[in-house]
Every structure is written in C-alpha cells, then in structure tokens.
C-alpha cells in the first residue's frame, strides 16, 4: 500500500520477488519501448492462443475475439518506472483509435520525462468509474510503449485474494 493505494506495476508483477511480511509479489513498473503491454489488441481464446487448437478440442468453440486490457481496480496506483535519460513520458490518450495511431493531438500529459524516476503513479480512487484508460509514451508509442488499462473491479472485492 502506498498512501492508501494498492500499487500495481504497469508491467504486472515479478513472481519470484515477494515481500517477506505480506507475501505480496513485487510490482513491475517497467515502462519502456519494445515491451508486450496489453494495448486493446484483439485476442482469441487464451487456451487456443497458448496451446494451439488440438484436434477435436471444443474449448474455444464460439469464443469471439476480445480486446486485451491490463487489469486494474479502484484504490490502485498504476506505477510507471522510467529514467529521465529514456525520454519516456506518460500521456493519457482519449480512446483506442488514438492509441492505435499514436495520435497525441488530444492527449493529456500525466507524467513528464523526469516523473518516472523513481516512479510515476496514476491514482485510481476508491469511487472511480469503471472504464478503460489509454496511456502511451510520446517517444516510444510506435515501438510498443502503449497500454490500455481497464478499471473493472473494486479493490474491496478482491483485496483478500491479493
């Protein structure tokens, strides 16, 4: 917890690093180009994507492609970590089309080049609307430094499992 907010790394977690007291996995806030961030791209059934479709398998029958979003919940601090020498930034873009096109014409600067050292946190308050956020770095967007984050749950509903 950071100031009442549950920290969520924009690149997920580091499974083999855990807090000794709480057991919580370390947050991975890595924010750089050429990473595989969920950016709203359409994906197929996860079983078929991971294992192919074995002959006779009906697990993915009728499962339509769906957008791939990084998950988040209320009371979260989305953590972006980058050094000023990287020239990375965190812009909030208005929609999926702008993210896909790396169109910053209506974007809002949330974290400048110096904000990610040691980290920049985008706060999602407890009473926050459930929606999708689109973030990208001005210098890295065309090289994959973009992410779509879906706020879909309340922290109170999931904190016990964390």
C-alpha atoms as a PDB file:
ATOM      1  CA  UNK A   1       0.000   0.000   0.000  1.00  0.00           C
ATOM      2  CA  UNK A   2       1.182   3.483  -0.835  1.00  0.00           C
ATOM      3  CA  UNK A   3      -0.751   6.301   0.834  1.00  0.00           C
ATOM      4  CA  UNK A   4      -3.902   4.130   0.948  1.00  0.00           C
ATOM      5  CA  UNK A   5      -3.492   2.978  -2.660  1.00  0.00           C
ATOM      6  CA  UNK A   6      -2.606  -0.540  -3.757  1.00  0.00           C
ATOM      7  CA  UNK A   7       0.395  -0.307  -6.122  1.00  0.00           C
ATOM      8  CA  UNK A   8       0.007  -2.065  -9.479  1.00  0.00           C
ATOM      9  CA  UNK A   9       3.006  -2.122 -11.807  1.00  0.00           C
ATOM     10  CA  UNK A  10       2.146  -1.215 -15.398  1.00  0.00           C
ATOM     11  CA  UNK A  11       4.110  -4.308 -16.491  1.00  0.00           C
ATOM     12  CA  UNK A  12       2.459  -6.611 -13.935  1.00  0.00           C
ATOM     13  CA  UNK A  13       4.348  -8.326 -11.144  1.00  0.00           C
ATOM     14  CA  UNK A  14       7.669 -10.026 -10.546  1.00  0.00           C
ATOM     15  CA  UNK A  15       6.637 -13.520  -9.426  1.00  0.00           C
ATOM     16  CA  UNK A  16       9.923 -14.514  -7.774  1.00  0.00           C
ATOM     17  CA  UNK A  17      10.151 -11.361  -5.614  1.00  0.00           C
ATOM     18  CA  UNK A  18       7.833 -11.238  -2.599  1.00  0.00           C
ATOM     19  CA  UNK A  19       7.505  -9.051   0.462  1.00  0.00           C
ATOM     20  CA  UNK A  20       8.589 -11.099   3.485  1.00  0.00           C
ATOM     21  CA  UNK A  21       5.778  -9.878   5.725  1.00  0.00           C
ATOM     22  CA  UNK A  22       2.780  -9.711   3.405  1.00  0.00           C
ATOM     23  CA  UNK A  23       3.767 -12.258   0.742  1.00  0.00           C
ATOM     24  CA  UNK A  24       2.757  -9.739  -1.934  1.00  0.00           C
ATOM     25  CA  UNK A  25       4.598 -10.121  -5.230  1.00  0.00           C
ATOM     26  CA  UNK A  26       6.808  -7.197  -6.278  1.00  0.00           C
ATOM     27  CA  UNK A  27       5.288  -4.741  -8.722  1.00  0.00           C
ATOM     28  CA  UNK A  28       6.906  -4.356 -12.137  1.00  0.00           C
ATOM     29  CA  UNK A  29       6.543  -0.746 -13.207  1.00  0.00           C
ATOM     30  CA  UNK A  30       8.884  -1.075 -16.198  1.00  0.00           C
ATOM     31  CA  UNK A  31       7.803   1.467 -18.830  1.00  0.00           C
ATOM     32  CA  UNK A  32       9.893   1.263 -21.992  1.00  0.00           C
ATOM     33  CA  UNK A  33       9.636   0.592 -25.738  1.00  0.00           C
ATOM     34  CA  UNK A  34       9.573  -2.917 -27.210  1.00  0.00           C
ATOM     35  CA  UNK A  35       7.631  -4.431 -24.303  1.00  0.00           C
ATOM     36  CA  UNK A  36       4.500  -6.520 -24.710  1.00  0.00           C
ATOM     37  CA  UNK A  37       1.917  -4.340 -22.963  1.00  0.00           C
ATOM     38  CA  UNK A  38      -1.779  -5.122 -23.360  1.00  0.00           C
ATOM     39  CA  UNK A  39      -2.958  -2.353 -25.648  1.00  0.00           C
ATOM     40  CA  UNK A  40      -6.524  -3.251 -26.555  1.00  0.00           C
ATOM     41  CA  UNK A  41      -5.479  -5.524 -29.397  1.00  0.00           C
ATOM     42  CA  UNK A  42      -7.988  -8.222 -30.259  1.00  0.00           C
ATOM     43  CA  UNK A  43      -7.037 -11.657 -28.908  1.00  0.00           C
ATOM     44  CA  UNK A  44      -8.577 -15.083 -29.256  1.00  0.00           C
ATOM     45  CA  UNK A  45      -9.460 -17.646 -26.638  1.00  0.00           C
ATOM     46  CA  UNK A  46      -6.484 -17.851 -24.237  1.00  0.00           C
ATOM     47  CA  UNK A  47      -6.414 -21.659 -24.358  1.00  0.00           C
ATOM     48  CA  UNK A  48      -6.017 -21.690 -28.131  1.00  0.00           C
ATOM     49  CA  UNK A  49      -3.543 -18.808 -28.027  1.00  0.00           C
ATOM     50  CA  UNK A  50      -1.316 -20.647 -25.526  1.00  0.00           C
ATOM     51  CA  UNK A  51      -1.580 -24.215 -26.777  1.00  0.00           C
ATOM     52  CA  UNK A  52      -2.871 -24.004 -30.316  1.00  0.00           C
ATOM     53  CA  UNK A  53      -6.065 -25.799 -31.075  1.00  0.00           C
ATOM     54  CA  UNK A  54      -5.626 -29.536 -30.562  1.00  0.00           C
ATOM     55  CA  UNK A  55      -7.683 -31.632 -32.955  1.00  0.00           C
ATOM     56  CA  UNK A  56     -11.132 -32.260 -31.556  1.00  0.00           C
ATOM     57  CA  UNK A  57     -10.809 -29.537 -28.912  1.00  0.00           C
ATOM     58  CA  UNK A  58     -14.034 -27.596 -28.474  1.00  0.00           C
ATOM     59  CA  UNK A  59     -12.901 -25.431 -25.548  1.00  0.00           C
ATOM     60  CA  UNK A  60     -12.780 -22.256 -27.648  1.00  0.00           C
ATOM     61  CA  UNK A  61     -15.873 -23.004 -29.765  1.00  0.00           C
ATOM     62  CA  UNK A  62     -17.920 -19.845 -30.068  1.00  0.00           C
ATOM     63  CA  UNK A  63     -15.459 -17.699 -28.093  1.00  0.00           C
ATOM     64  CA  UNK A  64     -15.206 -14.474 -30.073  1.00  0.00           C
ATOM     65  CA  UNK A  65     -12.016 -12.407 -30.096  1.00  0.00           C
ATOM     66  CA  UNK A  66     -11.974  -9.755 -27.380  1.00  0.00           C
ATOM     67  CA  UNK A  67      -9.809  -6.721 -26.523  1.00  0.00           C
ATOM     68  CA  UNK A  68      -6.747  -7.368 -24.370  1.00  0.00           C
ATOM     69  CA  UNK A  69      -6.542  -4.902 -21.475  1.00  0.00           C
ATOM     70  CA  UNK A  70      -4.222  -4.668 -18.495  1.00  0.00           C
ATOM     71  CA  UNK A  71      -6.430  -5.146 -15.421  1.00  0.00           C
ATOM     72  CA  UNK A  72      -6.744  -2.622 -12.603  1.00  0.00           C
ATOM     73  CA  UNK A  73      -9.146  -1.912  -9.769  1.00  0.00           C
ATOM     74  CA  UNK A  74     -10.154   1.004  -7.619  1.00  0.00           C
ATOM     75  CA  UNK A  75      -7.765   2.213  -4.892  1.00  0.00           C
ATOM     76  CA  UNK A  76      -4.877   1.494  -7.248  1.00  0.00           C
ATOM     77  CA  UNK A  77      -1.757   3.436  -8.031  1.00  0.00           C
ATOM     78  CA  UNK A  78      -0.691   2.427 -11.551  1.00  0.00           C
ATOM     79  CA  UNK A  79       3.097   2.604 -11.339  1.00  0.00           C
ATOM     80  CA  UNK A  80       5.249   3.648 -14.305  1.00  0.00           C
ATOM     81  CA  UNK A  81       9.040   3.482 -13.816  1.00  0.00           C
ATOM     82  CA  UNK A  82      11.491   5.037 -16.289  1.00  0.00           C
ATOM     83  CA  UNK A  83      14.644   7.122 -16.149  1.00  0.00           C
ATOM     84  CA  UNK A  84      14.831  10.693 -17.461  1.00  0.00           C
ATOM     85  CA  UNK A  85      17.526   9.641 -19.949  1.00  0.00           C
ATOM     86  CA  UNK A  86      14.956   7.356 -21.626  1.00  0.00           C
ATOM     87  CA  UNK A  87      12.917  10.426 -22.657  1.00  0.00           C
ATOM     88  CA  UNK A  88       9.801   8.380 -21.782  1.00  0.00           C
ATOM     89  CA  UNK A  89       6.565  10.101 -20.803  1.00  0.00           C
ATOM     90  CA  UNK A  90       3.080   9.048 -19.757  1.00  0.00           C
ATOM     91  CA  UNK A  91       0.288  10.571 -21.821  1.00  0.00           C
ATOM     92  CA  UNK A  92      -3.376   9.713 -21.408  1.00  0.00           C
ATOM     93  CA  UNK A  93      -4.974   9.330 -24.828  1.00  0.00           C
ATOM     94  CA  UNK A  94      -8.725   9.746 -25.386  1.00  0.00           C
ATOM     95  CA  UNK A  95      -9.572   6.400 -26.996  1.00  0.00           C
ATOM     96  CA  UNK A  96      -8.474   3.177 -28.668  1.00  0.00           C
ATOM     97  CA  UNK A  97      -8.214   4.793 -32.114  1.00  0.00           C
ATOM     98  CA  UNK A  98      -5.773   7.417 -30.807  1.00  0.00           C
ATOM     99  CA  UNK A  99      -3.735   4.706 -29.062  1.00  0.00           C
ATOM    100  CA  UNK A 100      -3.604   2.560 -32.202  1.00  0.00           C
ATOM    101  CA  UNK A 101      -2.496   5.527 -34.328  1.00  0.00           C
ATOM    102  CA  UNK A 102      -0.168   7.008 -31.652  1.00  0.00           C
ATOM    103  CA  UNK A 103      -2.127  10.229 -32.127  1.00  0.00           C
ATOM    104  CA  UNK A 104      -1.253  12.645 -29.309  1.00  0.00           C
ATOM    105  CA  UNK A 105      -3.304  15.589 -30.634  1.00  0.00           C
ATOM    106  CA  UNK A 106      -5.892  15.285 -27.798  1.00  0.00           C
ATOM    107  CA  UNK A 107      -3.646  13.607 -25.238  1.00  0.00           C
ATOM    108  CA  UNK A 108      -3.049  14.818 -21.685  1.00  0.00           C
ATOM    109  CA  UNK A 109       0.477  14.722 -20.268  1.00  0.00           C
ATOM    110  CA  UNK A 110       0.289  12.856 -16.934  1.00  0.00           C
ATOM    111  CA  UNK A 111       3.991  12.146 -16.331  1.00  0.00           C
ATOM    112  CA  UNK A 112       6.847  14.060 -17.958  1.00  0.00           C
ATOM    113  CA  UNK A 113      10.383  12.784 -18.677  1.00  0.00           C
ATOM    114  CA  UNK A 114      11.516  13.272 -15.064  1.00  0.00           C
ATOM    115  CA  UNK A 115       8.375  11.847 -13.387  1.00  0.00           C
ATOM    116  CA  UNK A 116       9.304   8.165 -13.734  1.00  0.00           C
ATOM    117  CA  UNK A 117      12.441   8.351 -11.642  1.00  0.00           C
ATOM    118  CA  UNK A 118      11.978   6.614  -9.285  1.00  0.00           C
ATOM    119  CA  UNK A 119       8.334   6.239 -10.394  1.00  0.00           C
ATOM    120  CA  UNK A 120       5.163   7.983 -11.538  1.00  0.00           C
ATOM    121  CA  UNK A 121       1.828   6.806 -10.066  1.00  0.00           C
ATOM    122  CA  UNK A 122      -1.511   7.357 -11.788  1.00  0.00           C
ATOM    123  CA  UNK A 123      -4.090   7.165  -8.985  1.00  0.00           C
ATOM    124  CA  UNK A 124      -7.460   5.446  -9.337  1.00  0.00           C
ATOM    125  CA  UNK A 125      -9.573   6.469  -6.342  1.00  0.00           C
ATOM    126  CA  UNK A 126     -11.969   4.185  -4.425  1.00  0.00           C
ATOM    127  CA  UNK A 127     -15.106   5.657  -6.030  1.00  0.00           C
ATOM    128  CA  UNK A 128     -13.664   5.664  -9.527  1.00  0.00           C
ATOM    129  CA  UNK A 129     -15.724   4.963 -12.633  1.00  0.00           C
ATOM    130  CA  UNK A 130     -15.143   1.575 -14.288  1.00  0.00           C
ATOM    131  CA  UNK A 131     -13.592   2.370 -17.676  1.00  0.00           C
ATOM    132  CA  UNK A 132     -10.607   1.854 -19.945  1.00  0.00           C
ATOM    133  CA  UNK A 133      -7.611   4.202 -19.862  1.00  0.00           C
ATOM    134  CA  UNK A 134      -5.184   4.550 -22.751  1.00  0.00           C
ATOM    135  CA  UNK A 135      -1.570   5.506 -21.989  1.00  0.00           C
ATOM    136  CA  UNK A 136       1.436   5.937 -24.267  1.00  0.00           C
ATOM    137  CA  UNK A 137       4.868   7.499 -24.334  1.00  0.00           C
ATOM    138  CA  UNK A 138       5.426  10.147 -26.971  1.00  0.00           C
ATOM    139  CA  UNK A 139       8.857   8.805 -27.992  1.00  0.00           C
ATOM    140  CA  UNK A 140       8.063   5.085 -27.653  1.00  0.00           C
ATOM    141  CA  UNK A 141       4.472   4.661 -28.785  1.00  0.00           C
ATOM    142  CA  UNK A 142       5.270   3.427 -32.300  1.00  0.00           C
ATOM    143  CA  UNK A 143       7.648   0.899 -30.698  1.00  0.00           C
ATOM    144  CA  UNK A 144       5.019  -0.592 -28.380  1.00  0.00           C
ATOM    145  CA  UNK A 145       5.241   1.748 -25.384  1.00  0.00           C
ATOM    146  CA  UNK A 146       1.479   1.940 -25.042  1.00  0.00           C
ATOM    147  CA  UNK A 147      -1.064   0.250 -22.814  1.00  0.00           C
ATOM    148  CA  UNK A 148      -4.841   0.031 -22.360  1.00  0.00           C
ATOM    149  CA  UNK A 149      -5.848  -0.374 -18.703  1.00  0.00           C
ATOM    150  CA  UNK A 150      -9.344  -1.495 -17.724  1.00  0.00           C
ATOM    151  CA  UNK A 151     -10.608  -0.487 -14.287  1.00  0.00           C
ATOM    152  CA  UNK A 152     -13.114  -3.271 -13.810  1.00  0.00           C
ATOM    153  CA  UNK A 153     -13.298  -4.135 -10.119  1.00  0.00           C
ATOM    154  CA  UNK A 154     -13.468  -2.526  -6.706  1.00  0.00           C
ATOM    155  CA  UNK A 155     -10.445  -3.159  -4.502  1.00  0.00           C
ATOM    156  CA  UNK A 156     -12.686  -4.208  -1.615  1.00  0.00           C
ATOM    157  CA  UNK A 157     -13.989  -7.118  -3.713  1.00  0.00           C
ATOM    158  CA  UNK A 158     -10.537  -8.530  -4.422  1.00  0.00           C
ATOM    159  CA  UNK A 159      -8.107  -7.464  -1.677  1.00  0.00           C
ATOM    160  CA  UNK A 160      -8.397 -10.696   0.344  1.00  0.00           C
ATOM    161  CA  UNK A 161      -7.115 -12.760  -2.592  1.00  0.00           C
ATOM    162  CA  UNK A 162      -4.141 -10.433  -3.052  1.00  0.00           C
END
